[in-house]
Amino acid sequence: MIKLPENAAMKDYQRYIHELETMHGWLKVDLVHNCFLMGEEMGELFKAVRRYNKLFDEGQGTPTEQARANLAEELVDVFNYLLAISNRVGVDLEQAFREKNERNQQRTWS
C-alpha cells in the first residue's frame, strides 16, 4: 500500500502518483494520452459541478452532500492527471506554482 504522509509537500504528491502509476503499470501511457484522459476527467468534473449547482441534473435532483462527494472525486481525478503530466515532463509543480503566482502578483488584468 502506497502512503501519502500527512502535511505532504507537492513533491510528495508527485512521488505518490509516480508510485501509483508504477504499481498499476500506467507509466507506459504517454504524455498525449494522459492529456486526453485528463480532458475526459475535466468533462466529468464539469458535469459534477453542474449537478452540484443543480443545473440540468437530468431530473435526478442529486442531494447536495452526494453531489459534493462526487465533485470531490472528480477534482481528485483531474489533480492526479495533472500530477502525472507534470511527472512526464519533469516539472516540479510546487516550484512552478510558486514562480507563476509570484509573476501573477505583478500582473494586472482588465
PDB file of N, CA and C in Angstrom:
ATOM      1  N   MET A   1       0.850  -1.184   0.000  1.00  0.00           N
ATOM      2  CA  MET A   1       0.000   0.000   0.000  1.00  0.00           C
ATOM      3  C   MET A   1       0.893   1.243   0.000  1.00  0.00           C
ATOM      4  N   ILE A   2       0.598   2.137  -0.914  1.00  0.00           N
ATOM      5  CA  ILE A   2       1.337   3.392  -1.020  1.00  0.00           C
ATOM      6  C   ILE A   2       0.704   4.382  -0.047  1.00  0.00           C
ATOM      7  N   LYS A   3       1.525   5.098   0.689  1.00  0.00           N
ATOM      8  CA  LYS A   3       1.021   6.064   1.676  1.00  0.00           C
ATOM      9  C   LYS A   3       1.505   7.462   1.323  1.00  0.00           C
ATOM     10  N   LEU A   4       0.645   8.424   1.536  1.00  0.00           N
ATOM     11  CA  LEU A   4       0.992   9.829   1.410  1.00  0.00           C
ATOM     12  C   LEU A   4       1.051  10.398   2.815  1.00  0.00           C
ATOM     13  N   PRO A   5       2.192  10.968   3.216  1.00  0.00           N
ATOM     14  CA  PRO A   5       2.290  11.479   4.582  1.00  0.00           C
ATOM     15  C   PRO A   5       1.349  12.657   4.835  1.00  0.00           C
ATOM     16  N   GLU A   6       0.926  12.798   6.087  1.00  0.00           N
ATOM     17  CA  GLU A   6       0.141  13.976   6.475  1.00  0.00           C
ATOM     18  C   GLU A   6       0.980  15.226   6.205  1.00  0.00           C
ATOM     19  N   ASN A   7       0.319  16.311   5.839  1.00  0.00           N
ATOM     20  CA  ASN A   7       1.001  17.581   5.560  1.00  0.00           C
ATOM     21  C   ASN A   7       2.081  17.420   4.494  1.00  0.00           C
ATOM     22  N   ALA A   8       1.802  16.603   3.498  1.00  0.00           N
ATOM     23  CA  ALA A   8       2.753  16.322   2.431  1.00  0.00           C
ATOM     24  C   ALA A   8       3.000  17.560   1.579  1.00  0.00           C
ATOM     25  N   ALA A   9       4.221  17.672   1.083  1.00  0.00           N
ATOM     26  CA  ALA A   9       4.576  18.709   0.118  1.00  0.00           C
ATOM     27  C   ALA A   9       4.132  18.238  -1.270  1.00  0.00           C
ATOM     28  N   MET A  10       4.100  19.154  -2.211  1.00  0.00           N
ATOM     29  CA  MET A  10       3.699  18.799  -3.573  1.00  0.00           C
ATOM     30  C   MET A  10       4.622  17.729  -4.146  1.00  0.00           C
ATOM     31  N   LYS A  11       5.915  17.761  -3.818  1.00  0.00           N
ATOM     32  CA  LYS A  11       6.847  16.734  -4.289  1.00  0.00           C
ATOM     33  C   LYS A  11       6.403  15.355  -3.820  1.00  0.00           C
ATOM     34  N   ASP A  12       5.854  15.294  -2.601  1.00  0.00           N
ATOM     35  CA  ASP A  12       5.347  14.025  -2.083  1.00  0.00           C
ATOM     36  C   ASP A  12       4.147  13.550  -2.897  1.00  0.00           C
ATOM     37  N   TYR A  13       3.285  14.484  -3.292  1.00  0.00           N
ATOM     38  CA  TYR A  13       2.138  14.133  -4.129  1.00  0.00           C
ATOM     39  C   TYR A  13       2.616  13.609  -5.483  1.00  0.00           C
ATOM     40  N   GLN A  14       3.601  14.285  -6.070  1.00  0.00           N
ATOM     41  CA  GLN A  14       4.123  13.839  -7.357  1.00  0.00           C
ATOM     42  C   GLN A  14       4.779  12.463  -7.224  1.00  0.00           C
ATOM     43  N   ARG A  15       5.506  12.248  -6.158  1.00  0.00           N
ATOM     44  CA  ARG A  15       6.135  10.941  -5.918  1.00  0.00           C
ATOM     45  C   ARG A  15       5.063   9.870  -5.729  1.00  0.00           C
ATOM     46  N   TYR A  16       4.023  10.205  -4.974  1.00  0.00           N
ATOM     47  CA  TYR A  16       2.922   9.270  -4.737  1.00  0.00           C
ATOM     48  C   TYR A  16       2.295   8.830  -6.056  1.00  0.00           C
ATOM     49  N   ILE A  17       2.003   9.794  -6.928  1.00  0.00           N
ATOM     50  CA  ILE A  17       1.386   9.472  -8.217  1.00  0.00           C
ATOM     51  C   ILE A  17       2.332   8.625  -9.055  1.00  0.00           C
ATOM     52  N   HIS A  18       3.619   8.924  -9.019  1.00  0.00           N
ATOM     53  CA  HIS A  18       4.586   8.096  -9.748  1.00  0.00           C
ATOM     54  C   HIS A  18       4.542   6.653  -9.237  1.00  0.00           C
ATOM     55  N   GLU A  19       4.521   6.485  -7.938  1.00  0.00           N
ATOM     56  CA  GLU A  19       4.456   5.146  -7.352  1.00  0.00           C
ATOM     57  C   GLU A  19       3.142   4.449  -7.708  1.00  0.00           C
ATOM     58  N   LEU A  20       2.045   5.187  -7.693  1.00  0.00           N
ATOM     59  CA  LEU A  20       0.746   4.629  -8.060  1.00  0.00           C
ATOM     60  C   LEU A  20       0.746   4.182  -9.521  1.00  0.00           C
ATOM     61  N   GLU A  21       1.300   5.024 -10.388  1.00  0.00           N
ATOM     62  CA  GLU A  21       1.363   4.661 -11.805  1.00  0.00           C
ATOM     63  C   GLU A  21       2.269   3.448 -12.026  1.00  0.00           C
ATOM     64  N   THR A  22       3.353   3.382 -11.279  1.00  0.00           N
ATOM     65  CA  THR A  22       4.243   2.221 -11.358  1.00  0.00           C
ATOM     66  C   THR A  22       3.488   0.963 -10.940  1.00  0.00           C
ATOM     67  N   MET A  23       2.773   1.040  -9.832  1.00  0.00           N
ATOM     68  CA  MET A  23       2.036  -0.103  -9.298  1.00  0.00           C
ATOM     69  C   MET A  23       1.010  -0.631 -10.305  1.00  0.00           C
ATOM     70  N   HIS A  24       0.321   0.283 -11.004  1.00  0.00           N
ATOM     71  CA  HIS A  24      -0.742  -0.114 -11.931  1.00  0.00           C
ATOM     72  C   HIS A  24      -0.259  -0.302 -13.373  1.00  0.00           C
ATOM     73  N   GLY A  25       1.025  -0.030 -13.625  1.00  0.00           N
ATOM     74  CA  GLY A  25       1.545  -0.165 -14.980  1.00  0.00           C
ATOM     75  C   GLY A  25       1.162   0.966 -15.908  1.00  0.00           C
ATOM     76  N   TRP A  26       0.859   2.128 -15.352  1.00  0.00           N
ATOM     77  CA  TRP A  26       0.403   3.257 -16.162  1.00  0.00           C
ATOM     78  C   TRP A  26       1.531   4.141 -16.688  1.00  0.00           C
ATOM     79  N   LEU A  27       2.773   3.867 -16.296  1.00  0.00           N
ATOM     80  CA  LEU A  27       3.876   4.709 -16.770  1.00  0.00           C
ATOM     81  C   LEU A  27       4.078   4.614 -18.274  1.00  0.00           C
ATOM     82  N   LYS A  28       3.565   3.554 -18.878  1.00  0.00           N
ATOM     83  CA  LYS A  28       3.689   3.405 -20.328  1.00  0.00           C
ATOM     84  C   LYS A  28       2.709   4.310 -21.087  1.00  0.00           C
ATOM     85  N   VAL A  29       1.763   4.905 -20.386  1.00  0.00           N
ATOM     86  CA  VAL A  29       0.815   5.828 -21.031  1.00  0.00           C
ATOM     87  C   VAL A  29       1.562   7.134 -21.301  1.00  0.00           C
ATOM     88  N   ASP A  30       1.623   7.511 -22.569  1.00  0.00           N
ATOM     89  CA  ASP A  30       2.429   8.677 -22.929  1.00  0.00           C
ATOM     90  C   ASP A  30       1.745  10.002 -22.581  1.00  0.00           C
ATOM     91  N   LEU A  31       2.490  11.059 -22.784  1.00  0.00           N
ATOM     92  CA  LEU A  31       2.041  12.406 -22.429  1.00  0.00           C
ATOM     93  C   LEU A  31       0.730  12.778 -23.113  1.00  0.00           C
ATOM     94  N   VAL A  32       0.653  12.547 -24.411  1.00  0.00           N
ATOM     95  CA  VAL A  32      -0.543  12.936 -25.168  1.00  0.00           C
ATOM     96  C   VAL A  32      -1.769  12.186 -24.647  1.00  0.00           C
ATOM     97  N   HIS A  33      -1.631  10.883 -24.428  1.00  0.00           N
ATOM     98  CA  HIS A  33      -2.769  10.121 -23.928  1.00  0.00           C
ATOM     99  C   HIS A  33      -3.158  10.547 -22.521  1.00  0.00           C
ATOM    100  N   ASN A  34      -2.181  10.906 -21.700  1.00  0.00           N
ATOM    101  CA  ASN A  34      -2.501  11.427 -20.376  1.00  0.00           C
ATOM    102  C   ASN A  34      -3.301  12.720 -20.489  1.00  0.00           C
ATOM    103  N   CYS A  35      -2.935  13.557 -21.461  1.00  0.00           N
ATOM    104  CA  CYS A  35      -3.694  14.795 -21.664  1.00  0.00           C
ATOM    105  C   CYS A  35      -5.125  14.494 -22.106  1.00  0.00           C
ATOM    106  N   PHE A  36      -5.276  13.526 -23.023  1.00  0.00           N
ATOM    107  CA  PHE A  36      -6.624  13.134 -23.452  1.00  0.00           C
ATOM    108  C   PHE A  36      -7.439  12.623 -22.270  1.00  0.00           C
ATOM    109  N   LEU A  37      -6.815  11.765 -21.464  1.00  0.00           N
ATOM    110  CA  LEU A  37      -7.510  11.206 -20.307  1.00  0.00           C
ATOM    111  C   LEU A  37      -7.889  12.294 -19.307  1.00  0.00           C
ATOM    112  N   MET A  38      -6.999  13.267 -19.125  1.00  0.00           N
ATOM    113  CA  MET A  38      -7.318  14.382 -18.232  1.00  0.00           C
ATOM    114  C   MET A  38      -8.491  15.186 -18.799  1.00  0.00           C
ATOM    115  N   GLY A  39      -8.513  15.354 -20.117  1.00  0.00           N
ATOM    116  CA  GLY A  39      -9.629  16.052 -20.753  1.00  0.00           C
ATOM    117  C   GLY A  39     -10.953  15.351 -20.488  1.00  0.00           C
ATOM    118  N   GLU A  40     -10.952  14.027 -20.552  1.00  0.00           N
ATOM    119  CA  GLU A  40     -12.164  13.275 -20.241  1.00  0.00           C
ATOM    120  C   GLU A  40     -12.587  13.501 -18.793  1.00  0.00           C
ATOM    121  N   GLU A  41     -11.597  13.507 -17.907  1.00  0.00           N
ATOM    122  CA  GLU A  41     -11.907  13.755 -16.492  1.00  0.00           C
ATOM    123  C   GLU A  41     -12.419  15.173 -16.278  1.00  0.00           C
ATOM    124  N   MET A  42     -11.915  16.129 -17.061  1.00  0.00           N
ATOM    125  CA  MET A  42     -12.423  17.504 -16.961  1.00  0.00           C
ATOM    126  C   MET A  42     -13.909  17.529 -17.308  1.00  0.00           C
ATOM    127  N   GLY A  43     -14.305  16.778 -18.325  1.00  0.00           N
ATOM    128  CA  GLY A  43     -15.727  16.694 -18.665  1.00  0.00           C
ATOM    129  C   GLY A  43     -16.546  16.145 -17.510  1.00  0.00           C
ATOM    130  N   GLU A  44     -16.017  15.123 -16.843  1.00  0.00           N
ATOM    131  CA  GLU A  44     -16.712  14.560 -15.684  1.00  0.00           C
ATOM    132  C   GLU A  44     -16.762  15.568 -14.533  1.00  0.00           C
ATOM    133  N   LEU A  45     -15.691  16.337 -14.385  1.00  0.00           N
ATOM    134  CA  LEU A  45     -15.675  17.387 -13.363  1.00  0.00           C
ATOM    135  C   LEU A  45     -16.738  18.442 -13.663  1.00  0.00           C
ATOM    136  N   PHE A  46     -16.823  18.870 -14.908  1.00  0.00           N
ATOM    137  CA  PHE A  46     -17.815  19.879 -15.284  1.00  0.00           C
ATOM    138  C   PHE A  46     -19.230  19.369 -15.033  1.00  0.00           C
ATOM    139  N   LYS A  47     -19.464  18.089 -15.344  1.00  0.00           N
ATOM    140  CA  LYS A  47     -20.776  17.506 -15.084  1.00  0.00           C
ATOM    141  C   LYS A  47     -21.064  17.488 -13.590  1.00  0.00           C
ATOM    142  N   ALA A  48     -20.052  17.169 -12.778  1.00  0.00           N
ATOM    143  CA  ALA A  48     -20.224  17.156 -11.325  1.00  0.00           C
ATOM    144  C   ALA A  48     -20.519  18.559 -10.797  1.00  0.00           C
ATOM    145  N   VAL A  49     -19.879  19.571 -11.364  1.00  0.00           N
ATOM    146  CA  VAL A  49     -20.156  20.960 -10.966  1.00  0.00           C
ATOM    147  C   VAL A  49     -21.588  21.314 -11.331  1.00  0.00           C
ATOM    148  N   ARG A  50     -21.991  20.913 -12.519  1.00  0.00           N
ATOM    149  CA  ARG A  50     -23.362  21.178 -12.967  1.00  0.00           C
ATOM    150  C   ARG A  50     -24.374  20.542 -12.018  1.00  0.00           C
ATOM    151  N   ARG A  51     -24.123  19.304 -11.638  1.00  0.00           N
ATOM    152  CA  ARG A  51     -25.044  18.634 -10.710  1.00  0.00           C
ATOM    153  C   ARG A  51     -25.002  19.265  -9.329  1.00  0.00           C
ATOM    154  N   TYR A  52     -23.826  19.662  -8.887  1.00  0.00           N
ATOM    155  CA  TYR A  52     -23.703  20.312  -7.582  1.00  0.00           C
ATOM    156  C   TYR A  52     -24.513  21.608  -7.560  1.00  0.00           C
ATOM    157  N   ASN A  53     -24.488  22.338  -8.656  1.00  0.00           N
ATOM    158  CA  ASN A  53     -25.233  23.594  -8.758  1.00  0.00           C
ATOM    159  C   ASN A  53     -26.668  23.393  -9.219  1.00  0.00           C
ATOM    160  N   LYS A  54     -27.090  22.134  -9.330  1.00  0.00           N
ATOM    161  CA  LYS A  54     -28.452  21.775  -9.728  1.00  0.00           C
ATOM    162  C   LYS A  54     -28.829  22.366 -11.089  1.00  0.00           C
ATOM    163  N   LEU A  55     -27.869  22.370 -12.002  1.00  0.00           N
ATOM    164  CA  LEU A  55     -28.103  22.851 -13.359  1.00  0.00           C
ATOM    165  C   LEU A  55     -28.193  21.653 -14.293  1.00  0.00           C
ATOM    166  N   PHE A  56     -29.336  21.445 -14.903  1.00  0.00           N
ATOM    167  CA  PHE A  56     -29.516  20.355 -15.855  1.00  0.00           C
ATOM    168  C   PHE A  56     -29.079  19.021 -15.243  1.00  0.00           C
ATOM    169  N   ASP A  57     -29.657  18.678 -14.127  1.00  0.00           N
ATOM    170  CA  ASP A  57     -29.292  17.480 -13.360  1.00  0.00           C
ATOM    171  C   ASP A  57     -29.992  16.233 -13.885  1.00  0.00           C
ATOM    172  N   GLU A  58     -30.436  16.268 -15.128  1.00  0.00           N
ATOM    173  CA  GLU A  58     -31.127  15.147 -15.752  1.00  0.00           C
ATOM    174  C   GLU A  58     -32.259  14.612 -14.885  1.00  0.00           C
ATOM    175  N   GLY A  59     -32.912  15.490 -14.153  1.00  0.00           N
ATOM    176  CA  GLY A  59     -34.052  15.107 -13.348  1.00  0.00           C
ATOM    177  C   GLY A  59     -33.711  14.292 -12.112  1.00  0.00           C
ATOM    178  N   GLN A  60     -32.427  14.161 -11.796  1.00  0.00           N
ATOM    179  CA  GLN A  60     -32.034  13.320 -10.673  1.00  0.00           C
ATOM    180  C   GLN A  60     -32.143  14.027  -9.334  1.00  0.00           C
ATOM    181  N   GLY A  61     -32.019  15.339  -9.318  1.00  0.00           N
ATOM    182  CA  GLY A  61     -32.075  16.065  -8.052  1.00  0.00           C
ATOM    183  C   GLY A  61     -31.048  15.525  -7.060  1.00  0.00           C
ATOM    184  N   THR A  62     -29.818  15.377  -7.509  1.00  0.00           N
ATOM    185  CA  THR A  62     -28.765  14.808  -6.675  1.00  0.00           C
ATOM    186  C   THR A  62     -28.657  15.571  -5.357  1.00  0.00           C
ATOM    187  N   PRO A  63     -28.749  14.891  -4.226  1.00  0.00           N
ATOM    188  CA  PRO A  63     -28.607  15.560  -2.926  1.00  0.00           C
ATOM    189  C   PRO A  63     -27.251  16.268  -2.813  1.00  0.00           C
ATOM    190  N   THR A  64     -27.234  17.398  -2.140  1.00  0.00           N
ATOM    191  CA  THR A  64     -26.044  18.243  -2.079  1.00  0.00           C
ATOM    192  C   THR A  64     -24.816  17.498  -1.579  1.00  0.00           C
ATOM    193  N   GLU A  65     -24.926  16.731  -0.522  1.00  0.00           N
ATOM    194  CA  GLU A  65     -23.743  16.039   0.009  1.00  0.00           C
ATOM    195  C   GLU A  65     -23.233  14.985  -0.958  1.00  0.00           C
ATOM    196  N   GLN A  66     -24.134  14.288  -1.620  1.00  0.00           N
ATOM    197  CA  GLN A  66     -23.719  13.308  -2.627  1.00  0.00           C
ATOM    198  C   GLN A  66     -23.059  14.018  -3.801  1.00  0.00           C
ATOM    199  N   ALA A  67     -23.630  15.143  -4.209  1.00  0.00           N
ATOM    200  CA  ALA A  67     -23.064  15.925  -5.309  1.00  0.00           C
ATOM    201  C   ALA A  67     -21.691  16.464  -4.938  1.00  0.00           C
ATOM    202  N   ARG A  68     -21.518  16.897  -3.685  1.00  0.00           N
ATOM    203  CA  ARG A  68     -20.224  17.408  -3.224  1.00  0.00           C
ATOM    204  C   ARG A  68     -19.192  16.276  -3.204  1.00  0.00           C
ATOM    205  N   ALA A  69     -19.593  15.094  -2.758  1.00  0.00           N
ATOM    206  CA  ALA A  69     -18.689  13.940  -2.709  1.00  0.00           C
ATOM    207  C   ALA A  69     -18.254  13.552  -4.122  1.00  0.00           C
ATOM    208  N   ASN A  70     -19.197  13.557  -5.060  1.00  0.00           N
ATOM    209  CA  ASN A  70     -18.859  13.242  -6.447  1.00  0.00           C
ATOM    210  C   ASN A  70     -17.933  14.297  -7.031  1.00  0.00           C
ATOM    211  N   LEU A  71     -18.212  15.560  -6.740  1.00  0.00           N
ATOM    212  CA  LEU A  71     -17.371  16.658  -7.198  1.00  0.00           C
ATOM    213  C   LEU A  71     -15.952  16.505  -6.652  1.00  0.00           C
ATOM    214  N   ALA A  72     -15.826  16.144  -5.385  1.00  0.00           N
ATOM    215  CA  ALA A  72     -14.507  15.937  -4.775  1.00  0.00           C
ATOM    216  C   ALA A  72     -13.742  14.831  -5.502  1.00  0.00           C
ATOM    217  N   GLU A  73     -14.418  13.740  -5.818  1.00  0.00           N
ATOM    218  CA  GLU A  73     -13.761  12.635  -6.518  1.00  0.00           C
ATOM    219  C   GLU A  73     -13.280  13.060  -7.900  1.00  0.00           C
ATOM    220  N   GLU A  74     -14.079  13.830  -8.605  1.00  0.00           N
ATOM    221  CA  GLU A  74     -13.679  14.284  -9.942  1.00  0.00           C
ATOM    222  C   GLU A  74     -12.516  15.270  -9.863  1.00  0.00           C
ATOM    223  N   LEU A  75     -12.513  16.128  -8.837  1.00  0.00           N
ATOM    224  CA  LEU A  75     -11.371  17.029  -8.640  1.00  0.00           C
ATOM    225  C   LEU A  75     -10.084  16.228  -8.425  1.00  0.00           C
ATOM    226  N   VAL A  76     -10.178  15.173  -7.644  1.00  0.00           N
ATOM    227  CA  VAL A  76      -9.003  14.329  -7.392  1.00  0.00           C
ATOM    228  C   VAL A  76      -8.546  13.656  -8.681  1.00  0.00           C
ATOM    229  N   ASP A  77      -9.476  13.167  -9.487  1.00  0.00           N
ATOM    230  CA  ASP A  77      -9.091  12.541 -10.755  1.00  0.00           C
ATOM    231  C   ASP A  77      -8.314  13.522 -11.632  1.00  0.00           C
ATOM    232  N   VAL A  78      -8.800  14.753 -11.732  1.00  0.00           N
ATOM    233  CA  VAL A  78      -8.119  15.771 -12.541  1.00  0.00           C
ATOM    234  C   VAL A  78      -6.749  16.089 -11.931  1.00  0.00           C
ATOM    235  N   PHE A  79      -6.693  16.223 -10.618  1.00  0.00           N
ATOM    236  CA  PHE A  79      -5.438  16.512  -9.933  1.00  0.00           C
ATOM    237  C   PHE A  79      -4.425  15.391 -10.168  1.00  0.00           C
ATOM    238  N   ASN A  80      -4.880  14.134 -10.096  1.00  0.00           N
ATOM    239  CA  ASN A  80      -3.991  13.001 -10.351  1.00  0.00           C
ATOM    240  C   ASN A  80      -3.381  13.085 -11.746  1.00  0.00           C
ATOM    241  N   TYR A  81      -4.203  13.399 -12.743  1.00  0.00           N
ATOM    242  CA  TYR A  81      -3.672  13.524 -14.102  1.00  0.00           C
ATOM    243  C   TYR A  81      -2.730  14.713 -14.217  1.00  0.00           C
ATOM    244  N   LEU A  82      -3.034  15.805 -13.561  1.00  0.00           N
ATOM    245  CA  LEU A  82      -2.143  16.961 -13.578  1.00  0.00           C
ATOM    246  C   LEU A  82      -0.769  16.582 -13.014  1.00  0.00           C
ATOM    247  N   LEU A  83      -0.773  15.848 -11.919  1.00  0.00           N
ATOM    248  CA  LEU A  83       0.486  15.392 -11.333  1.00  0.00           C
ATOM    249  C   LEU A  83       1.206  14.435 -12.271  1.00  0.00           C
ATOM    250  N   ALA A  84       0.475  13.518 -12.889  1.00  0.00           N
ATOM    251  CA  ALA A  84       1.090  12.559 -13.812  1.00  0.00           C
ATOM    252  C   ALA A  84       1.710  13.281 -15.008  1.00  0.00           C
ATOM    253  N   ILE A  85       1.004  14.260 -15.547  1.00  0.00           N
ATOM    254  CA  ILE A  85       1.526  15.029 -16.679  1.00  0.00           C
ATOM    255  C   ILE A  85       2.764  15.807 -16.254  1.00  0.00           C
ATOM    256  N   SER A  86       2.731  16.402 -15.081  1.00  0.00           N
ATOM    257  CA  SER A  86       3.901  17.116 -14.561  1.00  0.00           C
ATOM    258  C   SER A  86       5.091  16.180 -14.452  1.00  0.00           C
ATOM    259  N   ASN A  87       4.842  14.981 -13.967  1.00  0.00           N
ATOM    260  CA  ASN A  87       5.919  13.987 -13.858  1.00  0.00           C
ATOM    261  C   ASN A  87       6.468  13.615 -15.231  1.00  0.00           C
ATOM    262  N   ARG A  88       5.580  13.464 -16.238  1.00  0.00           N
ATOM    263  CA  ARG A  88       6.022  13.053 -17.573  1.00  0.00           C
ATOM    264  C   ARG A  88       7.019  14.051 -18.168  1.00  0.00           C
ATOM    265  N   VAL A  89       6.829  15.334 -17.854  1.00  0.00           N
ATOM    266  CA  VAL A  89       7.677  16.361 -18.473  1.00  0.00           C
ATOM    267  C   VAL A  89       8.733  16.909 -17.507  1.00  0.00           C
ATOM    268  N   GLY A  90       8.804  16.327 -16.311  1.00  0.00           N
ATOM    269  CA  GLY A  90       9.841  16.721 -15.365  1.00  0.00           C
ATOM    270  C   GLY A  90       9.631  18.092 -14.735  1.00  0.00           C
ATOM    271  N   VAL A  91       8.385  18.484 -14.539  1.00  0.00           N
ATOM    272  CA  VAL A  91       8.084  19.772 -13.912  1.00  0.00           C
ATOM    273  C   VAL A  91       7.873  19.575 -12.418  1.00  0.00           C
ATOM    274  N   ASP A  92       8.624  20.327 -11.635  1.00  0.00           N
ATOM    275  CA  ASP A  92       8.397  20.401 -10.189  1.00  0.00           C
ATOM    276  C   ASP A  92       7.196  21.328 -10.021  1.00  0.00           C
ATOM    277  N   LEU A  93       6.026  20.752  -9.820  1.00  0.00           N
ATOM    278  CA  LEU A  93       4.784  21.524  -9.832  1.00  0.00           C
ATOM    279  C   LEU A  93       4.746  22.575  -8.729  1.00  0.00           C
ATOM    280  N   GLU A  94       5.289  22.255  -7.568  1.00  0.00           N
ATOM    281  CA  GLU A  94       5.297  23.237  -6.482  1.00  0.00           C
ATOM    282  C   GLU A  94       6.143  24.454  -6.859  1.00  0.00           C
ATOM    283  N   GLN A  95       7.328  24.222  -7.393  1.00  0.00           N
ATOM    284  CA  GLN A  95       8.189  25.337  -7.788  1.00  0.00           C
ATOM    285  C   GLN A  95       7.541  26.142  -8.910  1.00  0.00           C
ATOM    286  N   ALA A  96       6.969  25.457  -9.886  1.00  0.00           N
ATOM    287  CA  ALA A  96       6.293  26.146 -10.980  1.00  0.00           C
ATOM    288  C   ALA A  96       5.123  26.977 -10.464  1.00  0.00           C
ATOM    289  N   PHE A  97       4.369  26.419  -9.501  1.00  0.00           N
ATOM    290  CA  PHE A  97       3.243  27.124  -8.887  1.00  0.00           C
ATOM    291  C   PHE A  97       3.724  28.410  -8.220  1.00  0.00           C
ATOM    292  N   ARG A  98       4.791  28.299  -7.438  1.00  0.00           N
ATOM    293  CA  ARG A  98       5.319  29.474  -6.733  1.00  0.00           C
ATOM    294  C   ARG A  98       5.799  30.541  -7.715  1.00  0.00           C
ATOM    295  N   GLU A  99       6.557  30.132  -8.725  1.00  0.00           N
ATOM    296  CA  GLU A  99       7.091  31.086  -9.697  1.00  0.00           C
ATOM    297  C   GLU A  99       5.979  31.772 -10.484  1.00  0.00           C
ATOM    298  N   LYS A 100       5.032  30.988 -10.957  1.00  0.00           N
ATOM    299  CA  LYS A 100       3.938  31.555 -11.759  1.00  0.00           C
ATOM    300  C   LYS A 100       3.085  32.518 -10.934  1.00  0.00           C
ATOM    301  N   ASN A 101       2.770  32.140  -9.702  1.00  0.00           N
ATOM    302  CA  ASN A 101       1.921  33.011  -8.896  1.00  0.00           C
ATOM    303  C   ASN A 101       2.672  34.239  -8.390  1.00  0.00           C
ATOM    304  N   GLU A 102       3.975  34.152  -8.278  1.00  0.00           N
ATOM    305  CA  GLU A 102       4.758  35.354  -7.971  1.00  0.00           C
ATOM    306  C   GLU A 102       4.655  36.338  -9.130  1.00  0.00           C
ATOM    307  N   ARG A 103       4.771  35.815 -10.356  1.00  0.00           N
ATOM    308  CA  ARG A 103       4.586  36.684 -11.535  1.00  0.00           C
ATOM    309  C   ARG A 103       3.162  37.219 -11.598  1.00  0.00           C
ATOM    310  N   ASN A 104       2.181  36.384 -11.269  1.00  0.00           N
ATOM    311  CA  ASN A 104       0.790  36.834 -11.324  1.00  0.00           C
ATOM    312  C   ASN A 104       0.514  37.979 -10.366  1.00  0.00           C
ATOM    313  N   GLN A 105       1.239  38.052  -9.258  1.00  0.00           N
ATOM    314  CA  GLN A 105       1.050  39.155  -8.320  1.00  0.00           C
ATOM    315  C   GLN A 105       1.466  40.482  -8.912  1.00  0.00           C
ATOM    316  N   GLN A 106       2.321  40.446  -9.916  1.00  0.00           N
ATOM    317  CA  GLN A 106       2.793  41.675 -10.566  1.00  0.00           C
ATOM    318  C   GLN A 106       1.929  42.061 -11.748  1.00  0.00           C
ATOM    319  N   ARG A 107       1.058  41.188 -12.159  1.00  0.00           N
ATOM    320  CA  ARG A 107       0.224  41.425 -13.336  1.00  0.00           C
ATOM    321  C   ARG A 107      -1.047  42.195 -12.990  1.00  0.00           C
ATOM    322  N   THR A 108      -1.592  42.805 -13.997  1.00  0.00           N
ATOM    323  CA  THR A 108      -2.918  43.400 -13.860  1.00  0.00           C
ATOM    324  C   THR A 108      -3.782  42.843 -14.988  1.00  0.00           C
ATOM    325  N   TRP A 109      -5.032  42.640 -14.687  1.00  0.00           N
ATOM    326  CA  TRP A 109      -5.976  42.144 -15.682  1.00  0.00           C
ATOM    327  C   TRP A 109      -7.057  43.205 -15.845  1.00  0.00           C
ATOM    328  N   SER A 110      -7.463  43.392 -17.087  1.00  0.00           N
ATOM    329  CA  SER A 110      -8.508  44.389 -17.324  1.00  0.00           C
ATOM    330  C   SER A 110      -9.832  43.740 -17.607  1.00  0.00           C
TER     331      SER A 110
END
